[in-house]
């Protein structure tokens, strides 16, 4: 009879964790590929807001009817350089979190 810790269980747990990470990565890649193949299904009113600048410098939200012919996608492809701004709620929240946990490194010794 052998008494001691079972070290094989940790390896099995790590293997299962790697498999879970691979599945999640593959799922994210598949969803991203879906957006490349069918952009008209990913550029919905819930995910895209079109804001136009006026001559006095203010910005006006343009209401758009959703259609599946991909007209918004074609407008984005044909837009002038510098006329598109990308803003993501996820990246904004991550930036706020990063700033909350960062410190001024110039004061370190």
Protein backbone atom coordinates (compact mmCIF):
# COMPACT_ATOMS: atom_id res chain seq x y z
CA UNK A 1 0.00 0.00 0.00
CA UNK A 2 1.38 3.37 -1.03
CA UNK A 3 0.60 6.49 0.99
CA UNK A 4 1.08 9.94 -0.49
CA UNK A 5 -0.38 12.61 -2.69
CA UNK A 6 -1.87 11.68 -6.03
CA UNK A 7 0.11 13.83 -8.49
CA UNK A 8 -1.69 12.50 -11.57
CA UNK A 9 -4.89 14.37 -10.70
CA UNK A 10 -3.23 17.77 -11.18
CA UNK A 11 -2.05 16.86 -14.66
CA UNK A 12 -5.53 15.73 -15.64
CA UNK A 13 -7.01 18.97 -14.30
CA UNK A 14 -4.50 21.04 -16.30
CA UNK A 15 -5.29 19.07 -19.44
CA UNK A 16 -9.03 19.69 -19.03
CA UNK A 17 -8.37 23.39 -18.48
CA UNK A 18 -6.31 23.58 -21.68
CA UNK A 19 -9.13 21.89 -23.58
CA UNK A 20 -11.62 24.44 -22.20
CA UNK A 21 -9.37 27.31 -23.26
CA UNK A 22 -9.04 25.82 -26.76
CA UNK A 23 -12.82 25.49 -27.06
CA UNK A 24 -13.40 29.10 -25.98
CA UNK A 25 -10.69 30.33 -28.38
CA UNK A 26 -12.16 28.33 -31.26
CA UNK A 27 -15.63 29.68 -30.49
CA UNK A 28 -14.36 33.27 -30.49
CA UNK A 29 -12.53 32.67 -33.77
CA UNK A 30 -15.65 31.16 -35.33
CA UNK A 31 -17.77 34.13 -34.28
CA UNK A 32 -15.17 36.53 -35.67
CA UNK A 33 -15.10 34.62 -38.94
CA UNK A 34 -18.90 34.82 -39.08
CA UNK A 35 -18.60 38.61 -38.84
CA UNK A 36 -16.19 38.65 -41.77
CA UNK A 37 -18.43 36.48 -43.93
CA UNK A 38 -21.70 38.21 -43.08
CA UNK A 39 -20.98 41.76 -41.89
CA UNK A 40 -24.56 42.84 -42.48
CA UNK A 41 -25.61 40.49 -39.67
CA UNK A 42 -23.05 41.86 -37.22
CA UNK A 43 -23.50 45.58 -38.00
CA UNK A 44 -26.88 45.89 -36.33
CA UNK A 45 -28.40 49.00 -34.71
CA UNK A 46 -27.45 47.52 -31.33
CA UNK A 47 -23.76 47.40 -32.25
CA UNK A 48 -23.29 50.40 -34.55
CA UNK A 49 -24.25 54.05 -34.10
CA UNK A 50 -23.69 56.47 -36.95
CA UNK A 51 -22.83 59.96 -35.73
CA UNK A 52 -22.35 62.77 -38.23
CA UNK A 53 -20.39 65.93 -37.56
CA UNK A 54 -22.00 69.26 -38.41
CA UNK A 55 -20.37 72.45 -39.66
CA UNK A 56 -20.46 74.02 -36.18
CA UNK A 57 -18.51 71.11 -34.67
CA UNK A 58 -21.38 69.35 -32.91
CA UNK A 59 -22.27 65.73 -33.47
CA UNK A 60 -25.71 64.41 -34.45
CA UNK A 61 -26.84 60.79 -34.13
CA UNK A 62 -28.27 59.52 -37.41
CA UNK A 63 -31.14 57.07 -37.09
CA UNK A 64 -30.85 54.27 -39.64
CA UNK A 65 -33.26 51.57 -40.68
CA UNK A 66 -31.74 48.13 -40.41
CA UNK A 67 -31.53 46.23 -43.67
CA UNK A 68 -29.86 43.01 -44.70
CA UNK A 69 -28.49 44.27 -48.00
CA UNK A 70 -25.27 45.45 -46.33
CA UNK A 71 -25.52 49.12 -47.28
CA UNK A 72 -23.92 50.23 -43.99
CA UNK A 73 -21.02 47.86 -44.60
CA UNK A 74 -20.49 49.25 -48.09
CA UNK A 75 -20.63 52.81 -46.74
CA UNK A 76 -17.95 51.91 -44.19
CA UNK A 77 -15.77 50.39 -46.90
CA UNK A 78 -16.08 53.51 -49.07
CA UNK A 79 -15.65 56.05 -46.26
CA UNK A 80 -12.86 58.60 -46.40
CA UNK A 81 -9.74 58.10 -44.34
CA UNK A 82 -10.16 59.58 -40.86
CA UNK A 83 -13.94 59.76 -41.03
CA UNK A 84 -14.50 56.59 -38.99
CA UNK A 85 -13.94 56.42 -35.24
CA UNK A 86 -14.02 53.08 -33.50
CA UNK A 87 -15.28 53.01 -29.94
CA UNK A 88 -15.87 49.85 -27.94
CA UNK A 89 -17.63 49.65 -24.60
CA UNK A 90 -15.47 46.67 -23.65
CA UNK A 91 -12.23 48.51 -24.44
CA UNK A 92 -13.48 51.61 -22.61
CA UNK A 93 -14.22 49.56 -19.49
CA UNK A 94 -10.88 47.75 -19.69
CA UNK A 95 -9.08 51.09 -20.04
CA UNK A 96 -10.89 52.44 -16.97
CA UNK A 97 -9.93 49.31 -15.04
CA UNK A 98 -6.30 49.63 -16.16
CA UNK A 99 -6.19 53.28 -15.07
CA UNK A 100 -7.75 52.40 -11.70
CA UNK A 101 -4.99 49.88 -10.97
CA UNK A 102 -2.08 51.76 -12.48
CA UNK A 103 0.20 54.08 -10.56
CA UNK A 104 2.53 56.91 -11.38
CA UNK A 105 5.84 55.18 -12.06
CA UNK A 106 7.79 58.43 -12.10
CA UNK A 107 7.60 58.57 -8.27
CA UNK A 108 9.28 55.20 -7.78
CA UNK A 109 12.82 55.14 -6.44
